[in-house]
Amino acid sequence: LRLRCETAGFTVPLRSIGWFRQVPGKEREFVSHLSWSRGMTNYAD
């Protein structure tokens, strides 16, 4: 699957984007991160 996150209406640059996921009864879990301006990425193991 390919998920999409559309941004709109922000008055400041969004330099950091994260993807998280959550299932019922559990904490929200980090999935992936993008430093938009620098193009650096991070992923959960």
All heavy atoms as atom14 arrays in JSON, in Angstrom:
{
  "sequence": "LRLRCETAGFTVPLRSIGWFRQVPGKEREFVSHLSWSRGMTNYAD",
  "atom14_mask": [
    [1, 1, 1, 1, 1, 1, 1, 1, 0, 0, 0, 0, 0, 0],
    [1, 1, 1, 1, 1, 1, 1, 1, 1, 1, 1, 0, 0, 0],
    [1, 1, 1, 1, 1, 1, 1, 1, 0, 0, 0, 0, 0, 0],
    [1, 1, 1, 1, 1, 1, 1, 1, 1, 1, 1, 0, 0, 0],
    [1, 1, 1, 1, 1, 1, 0, 0, 0, 0, 0, 0, 0, 0],
    [1, 1, 1, 1, 1, 1, 1, 1, 1, 0, 0, 0, 0, 0],
    [1, 1, 1, 1, 1, 1, 1, 0, 0, 0, 0, 0, 0, 0],
    [1, 1, 1, 1, 1, 0, 0, 0, 0, 0, 0, 0, 0, 0],
    [1, 1, 1, 1, 0, 0, 0, 0, 0, 0, 0, 0, 0, 0],
    [1, 1, 1, 1, 1, 1, 1, 1, 1, 1, 1, 0, 0, 0],
    [1, 1, 1, 1, 1, 1, 1, 0, 0, 0, 0, 0, 0, 0],
    [1, 1, 1, 1, 1, 1, 1, 0, 0, 0, 0, 0, 0, 0],
    [1, 1, 1, 1, 1, 1, 1, 0, 0, 0, 0, 0, 0, 0],
    [1, 1, 1, 1, 1, 1, 1, 1, 0, 0, 0, 0, 0, 0],
    [1, 1, 1, 1, 1, 1, 1, 1, 1, 1, 1, 0, 0, 0],
    [1, 1, 1, 1, 1, 1, 0, 0, 0, 0, 0, 0, 0, 0],
    [1, 1, 1, 1, 1, 1, 1, 1, 0, 0, 0, 0, 0, 0],
    [1, 1, 1, 1, 0, 0, 0, 0, 0, 0, 0, 0, 0, 0],
    [1, 1, 1, 1, 1, 1, 1, 1, 1, 1, 1, 1, 1, 1],
    [1, 1, 1, 1, 1, 1, 1, 1, 1, 1, 1, 0, 0, 0],
    [1, 1, 1, 1, 1, 1, 1, 1, 1, 1, 1, 0, 0, 0],
    [1, 1, 1, 1, 1, 1, 1, 1, 1, 0, 0, 0, 0, 0],
    [1, 1, 1, 1, 1, 1, 1, 0, 0, 0, 0, 0, 0, 0],
    [1, 1, 1, 1, 1, 1, 1, 0, 0, 0, 0, 0, 0, 0],
    [1, 1, 1, 1, 0, 0, 0, 0, 0, 0, 0, 0, 0, 0],
    [1, 1, 1, 1, 1, 1, 1, 1, 1, 0, 0, 0, 0, 0],
    [1, 1, 1, 1, 1, 1, 1, 1, 1, 0, 0, 0, 0, 0],
    [1, 1, 1, 1, 1, 1, 1, 1, 1, 1, 1, 0, 0, 0],
    [1, 1, 1, 1, 1, 1, 1, 1, 1, 0, 0, 0, 0, 0],
    [1, 1, 1, 1, 1, 1, 1, 1, 1, 1, 1, 0, 0, 0],
    [1, 1, 1, 1, 1, 1, 1, 0, 0, 0, 0, 0, 0, 0],
    [1, 1, 1, 1, 1, 1, 0, 0, 0, 0, 0, 0, 0, 0],
    [1, 1, 1, 1, 1, 1, 1, 1, 1, 1, 0, 0, 0, 0],
    [1, 1, 1, 1, 1, 1, 1, 1, 0, 0, 0, 0, 0, 0],
    [1, 1, 1, 1, 1, 1, 0, 0, 0, 0, 0, 0, 0, 0],
    [1, 1, 1, 1, 1, 1, 1, 1, 1, 1, 1, 1, 1, 1],
    [1, 1, 1, 1, 1, 1, 0, 0, 0, 0, 0, 0, 0, 0],
    [1, 1, 1, 1, 1, 1, 1, 1, 1, 1, 1, 0, 0, 0],
    [1, 1, 1, 1, 0, 0, 0, 0, 0, 0, 0, 0, 0, 0],
    [1, 1, 1, 1, 1, 1, 1, 1, 0, 0, 0, 0, 0, 0],
    [1, 1, 1, 1, 1, 1, 1, 0, 0, 0, 0, 0, 0, 0],
    [1, 1, 1, 1, 1, 1, 1, 1, 0, 0, 0, 0, 0, 0],
    [1, 1, 1, 1, 1, 1, 1, 1, 1, 1, 1, 1, 0, 0],
    [1, 1, 1, 1, 1, 0, 0, 0, 0, 0, 0, 0, 0, 0],
    [1, 1, 1, 1, 1, 1, 1, 1, 0, 0, 0, 0, 0, 0]
  ],
  "atom14_positions": [
    [[0.85, -1.18, 0.0], [0.0, 0.0, 0.0], [0.89, 1.23, 0.0], [2.02, 1.19, 0.5], [-0.91, 0.05, 1.22], [-2.11, -0.89, 1.29], [-2.76, -0.78, 2.67], [-3.12, -0.57, 0.21], [0.0, 0.0, 0.0], [0.0, 0.0, 0.0], [0.0, 0.0, 0.0], [0.0, 0.0, 0.0], [0.0, 0.0, 0.0], [0.0, 0.0, 0.0]],
    [[0.38, 2.32, -0.54], [1.06, 3.59, -0.45], [0.15, 4.59, 0.24], [-0.94, 4.91, -0.26], [1.47, 4.12, -1.83], [2.35, 5.38, -1.72], [2.8, 5.92, -3.06], [1.72, 6.55, -3.8], [1.89, 7.38, -4.82], [3.12, 7.65, -5.25], [0.84, 7.89, -5.43], [0.0, 0.0, 0.0], [0.0, 0.0, 0.0], [0.0, 0.0, 0.0]],
    [[0.6, 5.07, 1.39], [-0.13, 6.08, 2.12], [0.32, 7.46, 1.68], [1.48, 7.66, 1.3], [0.07, 5.93, 3.62], [-0.27, 4.57, 4.23], [-0.12, 4.62, 5.75], [-1.68, 4.15, 3.85], [0.0, 0.0, 0.0], [0.0, 0.0, 0.0], [0.0, 0.0, 0.0], [0.0, 0.0, 0.0], [0.0, 0.0, 0.0], [0.0, 0.0, 0.0]],
    [[-0.57, 8.4, 1.76], [-0.3, 9.77, 1.35], [-0.7, 10.72, 2.47], [-1.75, 10.55, 3.09], [-1.08, 10.08, 0.07], [-0.88, 11.47, -0.48], [-1.49, 11.59, -1.87], [-2.94, 11.41, -1.84], [-3.58, 10.34, -2.29], [-2.91, 9.33, -2.83], [-4.9, 10.28, -2.23], [0.0, 0.0, 0.0], [0.0, 0.0, 0.0], [0.0, 0.0, 0.0]],
    [[0.14, 11.68, 2.73], [-0.15, 12.73, 3.7], [-0.08, 14.06, 2.98], [1.0, 14.52, 2.61], [0.85, 12.68, 4.86], [0.63, 13.99, 6.08], [0.0, 0.0, 0.0], [0.0, 0.0, 0.0], [0.0, 0.0, 0.0], [0.0, 0.0, 0.0], [0.0, 0.0, 0.0], [0.0, 0.0, 0.0], [0.0, 0.0, 0.0], [0.0, 0.0, 0.0]],
    [[-1.24, 14.67, 2.8], [-1.31, 15.97, 2.14], [-1.32, 17.07, 3.19], [-2.04, 17.0, 4.18], [-2.56, 16.05, 1.28], [-2.58, 15.04, 0.14], [-3.84, 15.11, -0.67], [-4.81, 14.41, -0.31], [-3.87, 15.87, -1.66], [0.0, 0.0, 0.0], [0.0, 0.0, 0.0], [0.0, 0.0, 0.0], [0.0, 0.0, 0.0], [0.0, 0.0, 0.0]],
    [[-0.52, 18.09, 2.95], [-0.46, 19.24, 3.85], [-1.04, 20.45, 3.14], [-0.9, 20.61, 1.93], [0.98, 19.54, 4.29], [1.72, 20.11, 3.2], [1.68, 18.26, 4.74], [0.0, 0.0, 0.0], [0.0, 0.0, 0.0], [0.0, 0.0, 0.0], [0.0, 0.0, 0.0], [0.0, 0.0, 0.0], [0.0, 0.0, 0.0], [0.0, 0.0, 0.0]],
    [[-1.69, 21.32, 3.92], [-2.29, 22.51, 3.34], [-2.48, 23.57, 4.4], [-2.79, 23.25, 5.55], [-3.63, 22.18, 2.69], [0.0, 0.0, 0.0], [0.0, 0.0, 0.0], [0.0, 0.0, 0.0], [0.0, 0.0, 0.0], [0.0, 0.0, 0.0], [0.0, 0.0, 0.0], [0.0, 0.0, 0.0], [0.0, 0.0, 0.0], [0.0, 0.0, 0.0]],
    [[-2.3, 24.82, 4.01], [-2.64, 25.93, 4.86], [-1.64, 26.29, 5.93], [-1.94, 27.11, 6.79], [0.0, 0.0, 0.0], [0.0, 0.0, 0.0], [0.0, 0.0, 0.0], [0.0, 0.0, 0.0], [0.0, 0.0, 0.0], [0.0, 0.0, 0.0], [0.0, 0.0, 0.0], [0.0, 0.0, 0.0], [0.0, 0.0, 0.0], [0.0, 0.0, 0.0]],
    [[-0.46, 25.71, 5.89], [0.53, 26.0, 6.92], [1.27, 27.3, 6.6], [1.67, 27.53, 5.46], [1.52, 24.85, 7.06], [0.92, 23.62, 7.67], [0.38, 22.63, 6.88], [0.87, 23.48, 9.05], [-0.19, 21.51, 7.44], [0.3, 22.36, 9.62], [-0.23, 21.37, 8.81], [0.0, 0.0, 0.0], [0.0, 0.0, 0.0], [0.0, 0.0, 0.0]],
    [[1.48, 28.1, 7.62], [2.18, 29.37, 7.46], [3.66, 29.27, 7.77], [4.4, 30.24, 7.57], [1.55, 30.44, 8.37], [1.61, 30.02, 9.73], [0.09, 30.66, 7.98], [0.0, 0.0, 0.0], [0.0, 0.0, 0.0], [0.0, 0.0, 0.0], [0.0, 0.0, 0.0], [0.0, 0.0, 0.0], [0.0, 0.0, 0.0], [0.0, 0.0, 0.0]],
    [[4.11, 28.13, 8.25], [5.51, 27.88, 8.51], [5.93, 26.62, 7.77], [5.11, 25.73, 7.53], [5.79, 27.72, 10.02], [5.48, 29.01, 10.75], [4.99, 26.58, 10.6], [0.0, 0.0, 0.0], [0.0, 0.0, 0.0], [0.0, 0.0, 0.0], [0.0, 0.0, 0.0], [0.0, 0.0, 0.0], [0.0, 0.0, 0.0], [0.0, 0.0, 0.0]],
    [[7.2, 26.53, 7.4], [7.65, 25.31, 6.73], [7.54, 24.1, 7.65], [7.81, 24.19, 8.85], [9.12, 25.6, 6.39], [9.23, 27.09, 6.42], [8.27, 27.54, 7.48], [0.0, 0.0, 0.0], [0.0, 0.0, 0.0], [0.0, 0.0, 0.0], [0.0, 0.0, 0.0], [0.0, 0.0, 0.0], [0.0, 0.0, 0.0], [0.0, 0.0, 0.0]],
    [[7.14, 22.97, 7.09], [7.07, 21.72, 7.83], [8.35, 20.96, 7.55], [8.46, 20.25, 6.55], [5.84, 20.92, 7.43], [4.5, 21.62, 7.67], [3.35, 20.75, 7.18], [4.32, 21.97, 9.14], [0.0, 0.0, 0.0], [0.0, 0.0, 0.0], [0.0, 0.0, 0.0], [0.0, 0.0, 0.0], [0.0, 0.0, 0.0], [0.0, 0.0, 0.0]],
    [[9.31, 21.09, 8.44], [10.63, 20.51, 8.21], [10.73, 19.07, 8.68], [11.65, 18.36, 8.28], [11.7, 21.36, 8.9], [11.82, 22.77, 8.35], [13.0, 23.5, 8.95], [13.18, 24.83, 8.37], [12.65, 25.93, 8.86], [11.91, 25.88, 9.97], [12.85, 27.09, 8.26], [0.0, 0.0, 0.0], [0.0, 0.0, 0.0], [0.0, 0.0, 0.0]],
    [[9.8, 18.65, 9.51], [9.84, 17.3, 10.06], [8.48, 16.64, 9.89], [7.45, 17.19, 10.32], [10.23, 17.34, 11.54], [10.4, 16.05, 12.06], [0.0, 0.0, 0.0], [0.0, 0.0, 0.0], [0.0, 0.0, 0.0], [0.0, 0.0, 0.0], [0.0, 0.0, 0.0], [0.0, 0.0, 0.0], [0.0, 0.0, 0.0], [0.0, 0.0, 0.0]],
    [[8.47, 15.48, 9.26], [7.24, 14.71, 9.05], [7.44, 13.32, 9.66], [8.47, 12.68, 9.42], [6.9, 14.57, 7.57], [6.72, 15.94, 6.91], [5.65, 13.71, 7.39], [5.49, 16.69, 7.37], [0.0, 0.0, 0.0], [0.0, 0.0, 0.0], [0.0, 0.0, 0.0], [0.0, 0.0, 0.0], [0.0, 0.0, 0.0], [0.0, 0.0, 0.0]],
    [[6.47, 12.88, 10.41], [6.52, 11.54, 10.99], [5.29, 10.73, 10.63], [4.2, 11.28, 10.45], [0.0, 0.0, 0.0], [0.0, 0.0, 0.0], [0.0, 0.0, 0.0], [0.0, 0.0, 0.0], [0.0, 0.0, 0.0], [0.0, 0.0, 0.0], [0.0, 0.0, 0.0], [0.0, 0.0, 0.0], [0.0, 0.0, 0.0], [0.0, 0.0, 0.0]],
    [[5.48, 9.44, 10.5], [4.39, 8.49, 10.4], [4.36, 7.65, 11.67], [5.39, 7.13, 12.1], [4.54, 7.57, 9.19], [4.18, 8.19, 7.88], [5.03, 8.73, 6.96], [2.86, 8.32, 7.34], [4.33, 9.19, 5.87], [2.99, 8.96, 6.08], [1.59, 7.98, 7.78], [1.89, 9.24, 5.27], [0.5, 8.26, 6.97], [0.66, 8.88, 5.73]],
    [[3.18, 7.55, 12.26], [2.95, 6.74, 13.44], [1.78, 5.82, 13.19], [0.97, 6.05, 12.29], [2.67, 7.63, 14.66], [3.85, 8.44, 15.12], [4.25, 9.58, 14.44], [4.57, 8.06, 16.24], [5.33, 10.33, 14.86], [5.65, 8.8, 16.68], [6.04, 9.93, 15.99], [0.0, 0.0, 0.0], [0.0, 0.0, 0.0], [0.0, 0.0, 0.0]],
    [[1.66, 4.79, 14.01], [0.51, 3.9, 13.91], [0.05, 3.51, 15.31], [0.82, 3.53, 16.27], [0.83, 2.66, 13.07], [1.89, 1.75, 13.66], [2.28, 0.69, 12.64], [3.25, -0.26, 13.18], [3.85, -1.2, 12.45], [3.57, -1.32, 11.15], [4.72, -2.02, 13.03], [0.0, 0.0, 0.0], [0.0, 0.0, 0.0], [0.0, 0.0, 0.0]],
    [[-1.22, 3.12, 15.39], [-1.79, 2.79, 16.68], [-2.88, 1.74, 16.52], [-3.69, 1.82, 15.6], [-2.36, 4.04, 17.35], [-2.79, 3.84, 18.78], [-3.09, 5.16, 19.46], [-3.46, 6.13, 18.82], [-2.94, 5.19, 20.78], [0.0, 0.0, 0.0], [0.0, 0.0, 0.0], [0.0, 0.0, 0.0], [0.0, 0.0, 0.0], [0.0, 0.0, 0.0]],
    [[-2.87, 0.78, 17.43], [-3.92, -0.22, 17.51], [-4.64, -0.04, 18.84], [-4.06, 0.51, 19.79], [-3.37, -1.65, 17.37], [-2.69, -1.82, 16.02], [-2.39, -1.96, 18.48], [0.0, 0.0, 0.0], [0.0, 0.0, 0.0], [0.0, 0.0, 0.0], [0.0, 0.0, 0.0], [0.0, 0.0, 0.0], [0.0, 0.0, 0.0], [0.0, 0.0, 0.0]],
    [[-5.88, -0.49, 18.95], [-6.61, -0.31, 20.2], [-5.88, -0.91, 21.39], [-5.37, -2.03, 21.33], [-7.93, -1.03, 19.94], [-8.11, -0.96, 18.46], [-6.71, -1.08, 17.89], [0.0, 0.0, 0.0], [0.0, 0.0, 0.0], [0.0, 0.0, 0.0], [0.0, 0.0, 0.0], [0.0, 0.0, 0.0], [0.0, 0.0, 0.0], [0.0, 0.0, 0.0]],
    [[-5.82, -0.14, 22.47], [-5.2, -0.62, 23.69], [-3.7, -0.48, 23.76], [-3.1, -0.88, 24.77], [0.0, 0.0, 0.0], [0.0, 0.0, 0.0], [0.0, 0.0, 0.0], [0.0, 0.0, 0.0], [0.0, 0.0, 0.0], [0.0, 0.0, 0.0], [0.0, 0.0, 0.0], [0.0, 0.0, 0.0], [0.0, 0.0, 0.0], [0.0, 0.0, 0.0]],
    [[-3.08, 0.08, 22.73], [-1.63, 0.22, 22.71], [-1.25, 1.68, 22.46], [-2.05, 2.47, 21.96], [-1.01, -0.66, 21.63], [-1.24, -2.15, 21.83], [-0.54, -2.98, 20.77], [0.96, -2.94, 20.95], [1.65, -3.85, 19.98], [0.0, 0.0, 0.0], [0.0, 0.0, 0.0], [0.0, 0.0, 0.0], [0.0, 0.0, 0.0], [0.0, 0.0, 0.0]],
    [[-0.03, 2.01, 22.83], [0.48, 3.35, 22.61], [0.72, 3.59, 21.13], [0.96, 2.66, 20.36], [1.79, 3.55, 23.38], [1.66, 3.45, 24.89], [0.88, 4.61, 25.45], [1.05, 5.74, 24.96], [0.09, 4.38, 26.39], [0.0, 0.0, 0.0], [0.0, 0.0, 0.0], [0.0, 0.0, 0.0], [0.0, 0.0, 0.0], [0.0, 0.0, 0.0]],
    [[0.65, 4.85, 20.75], [0.97, 5.22, 19.38], [2.44, 4.92, 19.12], [3.32, 5.32, 19.89], [0.65, 6.69, 19.15], [0.67, 7.09, 17.69], [-0.07, 8.41, 17.46], [-1.49, 8.3, 17.75], [-2.39, 9.24, 17.48], [-2.01, 10.36, 16.91], [-3.66, 9.04, 17.8], [0.0, 0.0, 0.0], [0.0, 0.0, 0.0], [0.0, 0.0, 0.0]],
    [[2.72, 4.24, 18.01], [4.03, 3.7, 17.72], [4.67, 4.44, 16.55], [4.05, 4.64, 15.51], [3.91, 2.21, 17.38], [5.2, 1.53, 16.96], [4.98, 0.13, 16.43], [3.83, -0.2, 16.06], [5.95, -0.65, 16.38], [0.0, 0.0, 0.0], [0.0, 0.0, 0.0], [0.0, 0.0, 0.0], [0.0, 0.0, 0.0], [0.0, 0.0, 0.0]],
    [[5.93, 4.79, 16.72], [6.69, 5.42, 15.65], [6.91, 4.45, 14.51], [7.24, 3.28, 14.72], [8.04, 5.91, 16.18], [9.0, 6.31, 15.1], [8.83, 7.51, 14.41], [10.07, 5.5, 14.77], [9.7, 7.89, 13.41], [10.94, 5.87, 13.78], [10.76, 7.06, 13.09], [0.0, 0.0, 0.0], [0.0, 0.0, 0.0], [0.0, 0.0, 0.0]],
    [[6.77, 4.95, 13.28], [6.98, 4.14, 12.09], [8.13, 4.68, 11.24], [9.07, 3.96, 10.91], [5.7, 4.06, 11.23], [5.97, 3.31, 9.93], [4.58, 3.39, 12.02], [0.0, 0.0, 0.0], [0.0, 0.0, 0.0], [0.0, 0.0, 0.0], [0.0, 0.0, 0.0], [0.0, 0.0, 0.0], [0.0, 0.0, 0.0], [0.0, 0.0, 0.0]],
    [[8.05, 5.96, 10.88], [9.05, 6.54, 10.0], [9.09, 8.05, 10.16], [8.11, 8.66, 10.59], [8.75, 6.17, 8.53], [9.77, 6.62, 7.67], [0.0, 0.0, 0.0], [0.0, 0.0, 0.0], [0.0, 0.0, 0.0], [0.0, 0.0, 0.0], [0.0, 0.0, 0.0], [0.0, 0.0, 0.0], [0.0, 0.0, 0.0], [0.0, 0.0, 0.0]],
    [[10.21, 8.64, 9.79], [10.41, 10.08, 9.9], [11.16, 10.59, 8.69], [12.04, 9.91, 8.16], [11.19, 10.41, 11.17], [11.73, 11.81, 11.21], [13.04, 12.11, 10.9], [11.14, 12.99, 11.52], [13.23, 13.41, 11.02], [12.08, 13.97, 11.39], [0.0, 0.0, 0.0], [0.0, 0.0, 0.0], [0.0, 0.0, 0.0], [0.0, 0.0, 0.0]],
    [[10.81, 11.81, 8.29], [11.48, 12.5, 7.19], [11.85, 13.9, 7.63], [11.0, 14.66, 8.07], [10.58, 12.56, 5.96], [11.04, 13.47, 4.82], [12.26, 12.89, 4.13], [9.91, 13.68, 3.82], [0.0, 0.0, 0.0], [0.0, 0.0, 0.0], [0.0, 0.0, 0.0], [0.0, 0.0, 0.0], [0.0, 0.0, 0.0], [0.0, 0.0, 0.0]],
    [[13.13, 14.23, 7.5], [13.57, 15.62, 7.6], [13.42, 16.21, 6.21], [14.24, 15.96, 5.33], [15.01, 15.7, 8.08], [15.46, 17.04, 8.1], [0.0, 0.0, 0.0], [0.0, 0.0, 0.0], [0.0, 0.0, 0.0], [0.0, 0.0, 0.0], [0.0, 0.0, 0.0], [0.0, 0.0, 0.0], [0.0, 0.0, 0.0], [0.0, 0.0, 0.0]],
    [[12.33, 16.97, 6.02], [11.94, 17.39, 4.69], [13.03, 18.21, 3.99], [13.38, 17.94, 2.84], [10.64, 18.19, 4.76], [9.85, 18.21, 3.5], [10.31, 18.22, 2.22], [8.42, 18.2, 3.4], [9.29, 18.23, 1.33], [8.09, 18.22, 2.02], [7.38, 18.19, 4.34], [6.79, 18.22, 1.57], [6.07, 18.19, 3.88], [5.79, 18.21, 2.51]],
    [[13.57, 19.17, 4.69], [14.55, 20.05, 4.07], [15.87, 19.35, 3.81], [16.55, 19.66, 2.82], [14.77, 21.29, 4.95], [15.24, 20.93, 6.23], [0.0, 0.0, 0.0], [0.0, 0.0, 0.0], [0.0, 0.0, 0.0], [0.0, 0.0, 0.0], [0.0, 0.0, 0.0], [0.0, 0.0, 0.0], [0.0, 0.0, 0.0], [0.0, 0.0, 0.0]],
    [[16.25, 18.43, 4.67], [17.53, 17.74, 4.53], [17.44, 16.42, 3.8], [18.46, 15.85, 3.41], [18.16, 17.53, 5.9], [18.55, 18.83, 6.59], [19.51, 18.57, 7.73], [18.83, 18.02, 8.89], [19.45, 17.62, 10.0], [20.77, 17.7, 10.08], [18.75, 17.14, 11.02], [0.0, 0.0, 0.0], [0.0, 0.0, 0.0], [0.0, 0.0, 0.0]],
    [[16.24, 15.9, 3.62], [16.05, 14.65, 2.92], [16.51, 13.42, 3.67], [16.73, 12.37, 3.06], [0.0, 0.0, 0.0], [0.0, 0.0, 0.0], [0.0, 0.0, 0.0], [0.0, 0.0, 0.0], [0.0, 0.0, 0.0], [0.0, 0.0, 0.0], [0.0, 0.0, 0.0], [0.0, 0.0, 0.0], [0.0, 0.0, 0.0], [0.0, 0.0, 0.0]],
    [[16.65, 13.53, 4.97], [17.08, 12.4, 5.79], [15.86, 11.63, 6.28], [14.82, 12.21, 6.56], [17.91, 12.89, 6.97], [19.17, 13.64, 6.56], [20.09, 14.31, 7.97], [20.54, 12.8, 8.82], [0.0, 0.0, 0.0], [0.0, 0.0, 0.0], [0.0, 0.0, 0.0], [0.0, 0.0, 0.0], [0.0, 0.0, 0.0], [0.0, 0.0, 0.0]],
    [[16.01, 10.33, 6.39], [14.91, 9.47, 6.79], [15.3, 8.55, 7.93], [16.48, 8.23, 8.11], [14.41, 8.62, 5.61], [15.48, 7.81, 5.12], [13.91, 9.52, 4.48], [0.0, 0.0, 0.0], [0.0, 0.0, 0.0], [0.0, 0.0, 0.0], [0.0, 0.0, 0.0], [0.0, 0.0, 0.0], [0.0, 0.0, 0.0], [0.0, 0.0, 0.0]],
    [[14.3, 8.12, 8.67], [14.48, 7.18, 9.77], [13.31, 6.22, 9.79], [12.19, 6.57, 9.41], [14.57, 7.91, 11.11], [15.73, 8.88, 11.18], [16.85, 8.48, 11.49], [15.47, 10.14, 10.89], [0.0, 0.0, 0.0], [0.0, 0.0, 0.0], [0.0, 0.0, 0.0], [0.0, 0.0, 0.0], [0.0, 0.0, 0.0], [0.0, 0.0, 0.0]],
    [[13.57, 5.0, 10.27], [12.54, 3.97, 10.3], [12.61, 3.19, 11.6], [13.68, 2.98, 12.17], [12.71, 2.99, 9.14], [12.61, 3.63, 7.79], [13.74, 4.11, 7.14], [11.38, 3.78, 7.16], [13.65, 4.7, 5.89], [11.28, 4.38, 5.92], [12.42, 4.84, 5.29], [12.32, 5.43, 4.05], [0.0, 0.0, 0.0], [0.0, 0.0, 0.0]],
    [[11.44, 2.75, 12.05], [11.4, 1.8, 13.14], [11.99, 0.48, 12.68], [11.88, 0.1, 11.51], [9.97, 1.61, 13.62], [0.0, 0.0, 0.0], [0.0, 0.0, 0.0], [0.0, 0.0, 0.0], [0.0, 0.0, 0.0], [0.0, 0.0, 0.0], [0.0, 0.0, 0.0], [0.0, 0.0, 0.0], [0.0, 0.0, 0.0], [0.0, 0.0, 0.0]],
    [[12.6, -0.25, 13.61], [13.19, -1.53, 13.25], [12.17, -2.5, 12.66], [12.5, -3.31, 11.79], [13.85, -2.16, 14.48], [15.1, -1.45, 14.91], [15.68, -0.7, 14.1], [15.52, -1.64, 16.07], [0.0, 0.0, 0.0], [0.0, 0.0, 0.0], [0.0, 0.0, 0.0], [0.0, 0.0, 0.0], [0.0, 0.0, 0.0], [0.0, 0.0, 0.0]]
  ]
}
